[in-house]
């Protein structure tokens, strides 16, 4: 996030039933390159990046920034999840005067369909709500991304608007901890 206010960063790793959410480390570089070079992952985010370019330009130690977590399964990175403040250039016409946190996630294709994205999202949203109680979170995805649309509904995001961007119809939903579904009754463990 651009601004975390009083939230200390980085937090202790967040542990769920199967995952650990933590800051990026040097050992994550190959998986980060694989993630961004994957044509499947790139389908709804503007396409895959060239592997040779990523190999040449990706830092040896991945960039750490507030709000960015690596999703780890059995000691290996399977994706990333992050919360970023929407800056003035990315604010929605539906919420032009607010700097909501935006949830984003990417998982390697071999991790798809196993509930890891939902597990990571529930943990990060729970952590965020414990640190900044009552703050809303937005999620944007292409309407053609059926998996993300289903996950948004499962997490309790409600549609705010649809709009055209990057050559495709986009969906924006908002999550409020007050209206969150029963998924959020358990708090993930820290440390």
Protein backbone atom coordinates (compact mmCIF):
# COMPACT_ATOMS: atom_id res chain seq x y z
CA UNK A 1 0.00 0.00 0.00
CA UNK A 2 1.17 3.48 -0.64
CA UNK A 3 0.20 4.56 2.86
CA UNK A 4 -0.25 2.24 5.80
CA UNK A 5 -0.67 4.89 8.43
CA UNK A 6 0.10 3.36 11.81
CA UNK A 7 0.38 -0.22 10.50
CA UNK A 8 3.84 -1.66 11.11
CA UNK A 9 5.39 -3.24 8.02
CA UNK A 10 6.27 -5.98 7.48
CA UNK A 11 3.89 -7.89 9.71
CA UNK A 12 4.78 -11.31 11.02
CA UNK A 13 4.03 -13.96 8.39
CA UNK A 14 0.35 -14.83 8.23
CA UNK A 15 -0.28 -18.56 8.52
CA UNK A 16 -3.44 -20.24 7.31
CA UNK A 17 -4.38 -23.90 7.27
CA UNK A 18 -2.17 -24.57 4.21
CA UNK A 19 -0.37 -21.33 3.37
CA UNK A 20 2.12 -18.81 4.67
CA UNK A 21 1.82 -15.20 3.51
CA UNK A 22 5.12 -13.38 3.87
CA UNK A 23 7.39 -10.77 2.36
CA UNK A 24 9.24 -11.65 -0.86
CA UNK A 25 12.74 -13.14 -0.53
CA UNK A 26 15.63 -13.78 -2.94
CA UNK A 27 14.59 -17.44 -3.30
CA UNK A 28 11.26 -16.27 -4.84
CA UNK A 29 12.86 -14.71 -7.94
CA UNK A 30 12.47 -17.78 -10.24
CA UNK A 31 8.79 -18.17 -9.29
CA UNK A 32 8.17 -14.44 -9.78
CA UNK A 33 9.67 -14.66 -13.27
CA UNK A 34 7.54 -17.74 -14.01
CA UNK A 35 4.42 -15.94 -12.73
CA UNK A 36 4.83 -12.91 -14.97
CA UNK A 37 6.06 -14.91 -18.00
CA UNK A 38 3.09 -17.30 -17.88
CA UNK A 39 0.66 -16.88 -20.79
CA UNK A 40 -2.14 -18.32 -18.62
CA UNK A 41 -1.53 -15.82 -15.81
CA UNK A 42 -1.24 -13.00 -18.34
CA UNK A 43 -4.59 -13.73 -19.97
CA UNK A 44 -6.53 -11.12 -17.96
CA UNK A 45 -3.74 -8.72 -17.04
CA UNK A 46 -2.49 -7.56 -20.41
CA UNK A 47 -0.48 -10.59 -21.49
CA UNK A 48 2.65 -12.40 -20.43
CA UNK A 49 5.93 -10.55 -20.18
CA UNK A 50 8.95 -11.78 -22.12
CA UNK A 51 10.90 -14.30 -20.02
CA UNK A 52 14.31 -13.10 -21.30
CA UNK A 53 13.42 -9.52 -20.37
CA UNK A 54 12.30 -10.62 -16.91
CA UNK A 55 15.48 -12.67 -16.43
CA UNK A 56 17.54 -9.63 -17.33
CA UNK A 57 15.62 -6.99 -15.36
CA UNK A 58 14.10 -8.69 -12.31
CA UNK A 59 16.11 -7.79 -9.21
CA UNK A 60 18.00 -10.58 -7.46
CA UNK A 61 16.08 -9.76 -4.32
CA UNK A 62 12.44 -9.10 -5.24
CA UNK A 63 11.17 -5.66 -4.38
CA UNK A 64 9.53 -5.47 -1.01
CA UNK A 65 6.76 -3.01 -0.47
CA UNK A 66 4.01 -2.50 2.06
CA UNK A 67 0.93 -4.54 1.21
CA UNK A 68 2.69 -7.18 -0.93
CA UNK A 69 2.78 -10.78 0.28
CA UNK A 70 4.18 -13.92 -1.30
CA UNK A 71 1.82 -16.88 -1.09
CA UNK A 72 3.87 -19.88 0.03
CA UNK A 73 2.78 -23.52 0.01
CA UNK A 74 5.05 -26.20 1.48
CA UNK A 75 8.04 -23.85 1.37
CA UNK A 76 7.58 -22.75 -2.26
CA UNK A 77 6.09 -19.57 -3.69
CA UNK A 78 2.86 -20.22 -5.63
CA UNK A 79 1.76 -16.61 -6.11
CA UNK A 80 1.42 -13.13 -4.74
CA UNK A 81 -1.35 -11.18 -3.05
CA UNK A 82 -1.40 -7.49 -2.34
CA UNK A 83 -3.36 -4.54 -1.09
CA UNK A 84 -2.55 -1.22 -2.75
CA UNK A 85 -4.05 2.21 -2.21
CA UNK A 86 -5.72 3.42 -5.36
CA UNK A 87 -3.93 6.64 -6.29
CA UNK A 88 -5.53 9.55 -8.12
CA UNK A 89 -4.77 8.07 -11.55
CA UNK A 90 -6.51 4.77 -10.69
CA UNK A 91 -9.53 5.99 -8.73
CA UNK A 92 -12.87 4.82 -9.88
CA UNK A 93 -15.53 7.20 -11.20
CA UNK A 94 -17.84 5.51 -8.66
CA UNK A 95 -15.51 6.46 -5.79
CA UNK A 96 -13.53 9.46 -7.09
CA UNK A 97 -12.76 11.03 -3.72
CA UNK A 98 -11.51 7.97 -1.88
CA UNK A 99 -8.21 6.11 -1.77
CA UNK A 100 -9.55 2.62 -1.11
CA UNK A 101 -7.29 -0.34 -0.74
CA UNK A 102 -7.43 -2.59 -3.79
CA UNK A 103 -6.98 -6.34 -3.49
CA UNK A 104 -5.00 -8.12 -6.19
CA UNK A 105 -3.61 -11.63 -6.51
CA UNK A 106 -1.77 -13.81 -9.02
CA UNK A 107 -1.17 -17.55 -8.72
CA UNK A 108 0.87 -19.92 -10.84
CA UNK A 109 -1.44 -22.03 -13.05
CA UNK A 110 -0.54 -25.27 -11.24
CA UNK A 111 -2.03 -23.74 -8.06
CA UNK A 112 -5.38 -22.88 -9.68
CA UNK A 113 -8.59 -24.61 -8.66
CA UNK A 114 -7.46 -25.72 -5.20
CA UNK A 115 -8.86 -22.89 -3.09
CA UNK A 116 -5.49 -21.23 -2.41
CA UNK A 117 -6.57 -17.84 -3.76
CA UNK A 118 -9.65 -17.84 -1.53
CA UNK A 119 -7.61 -18.93 1.50
CA UNK A 120 -5.01 -16.21 0.90
CA UNK A 121 -7.65 -13.53 0.28
CA UNK A 122 -9.56 -14.39 3.45
CA UNK A 123 -6.31 -14.20 5.46
CA UNK A 124 -5.18 -10.88 3.97
CA UNK A 125 -8.61 -9.30 4.30
CA UNK A 126 -8.79 -10.51 7.91
CA UNK A 127 -5.33 -9.08 8.63
CA UNK A 128 -6.23 -5.79 6.93
CA UNK A 129 -9.46 -5.50 8.90
CA UNK A 130 -7.66 -6.15 12.18
CA UNK A 131 -5.10 -3.44 11.37
CA UNK A 132 -7.48 -0.88 9.84
CA UNK A 133 -10.94 -1.79 11.15
CA UNK A 134 -13.89 -0.83 9.01
CA UNK A 135 -11.94 0.16 5.88
CA UNK A 136 -13.42 -0.87 2.57
CA UNK A 137 -11.48 -2.80 -0.04
CA UNK A 138 -12.14 -2.86 -3.78
CA UNK A 139 -11.37 -5.56 -6.30
CA UNK A 140 -11.28 -5.11 -10.07
CA UNK A 141 -11.25 -7.91 -12.62
CA UNK A 142 -12.30 -8.53 -16.18
CA UNK A 143 -15.84 -9.83 -16.40
CA UNK A 144 -14.48 -12.58 -18.69
CA UNK A 145 -12.34 -13.91 -15.79
CA UNK A 146 -14.91 -16.37 -14.45
CA UNK A 147 -12.65 -17.67 -11.66
CA UNK A 148 -12.03 -14.18 -10.26
CA UNK A 149 -15.68 -13.26 -10.59
CA UNK A 150 -16.69 -16.37 -8.57
CA UNK A 151 -14.02 -15.67 -5.95
CA UNK A 152 -15.16 -12.05 -5.59
CA UNK A 153 -18.71 -13.24 -4.91
CA UNK A 154 -17.51 -15.89 -2.46
CA UNK A 155 -15.49 -13.28 -0.55
CA UNK A 156 -18.48 -10.97 -0.30
CA UNK A 157 -17.51 -8.27 -2.81
CA UNK A 158 -20.57 -6.52 -4.21
CA UNK A 159 -20.66 -4.93 -7.62
CA UNK A 160 -20.18 -1.18 -7.76
CA UNK A 161 -19.76 -0.77 -11.48
CA UNK A 162 -18.69 -2.20 -14.81
CA UNK A 163 -16.53 -0.20 -17.16
CA UNK A 164 -14.46 -0.56 -20.30
CA UNK A 165 -10.65 -0.50 -19.92
CA UNK A 166 -7.67 -2.18 -21.56
CA UNK A 167 -9.91 -3.40 -24.37
CA UNK A 168 -12.26 -5.41 -22.15
CA UNK A 169 -15.20 -5.04 -19.80
CA UNK A 170 -14.01 -4.65 -16.20
CA UNK A 171 -15.89 -5.33 -12.98
CA UNK A 172 -15.36 -3.44 -9.75
CA UNK A 173 -16.66 -4.69 -6.44
CA UNK A 174 -16.38 -3.42 -2.90
CA UNK A 175 -15.84 -5.40 0.29
CA UNK A 176 -16.92 -4.13 3.63
CA UNK A 177 -15.93 -5.97 6.81
CA UNK A 178 -19.38 -5.18 8.20
CA UNK A 179 -21.05 -7.15 5.40
CA UNK A 180 -18.38 -9.87 5.07
CA UNK A 181 -19.63 -13.47 4.89
CA UNK A 182 -19.01 -16.18 7.46
CA UNK A 183 -15.63 -16.92 5.83
CA UNK A 184 -14.20 -14.21 8.07
CA UNK A 185 -15.15 -15.60 11.46
CA UNK A 186 -11.71 -17.17 12.04
CA UNK A 187 -8.68 -14.96 12.39
CA UNK A 188 -5.47 -16.21 10.72
CA UNK A 189 -2.46 -16.69 12.97
CA UNK A 190 0.49 -14.37 12.81
CA UNK A 191 4.06 -15.44 13.29
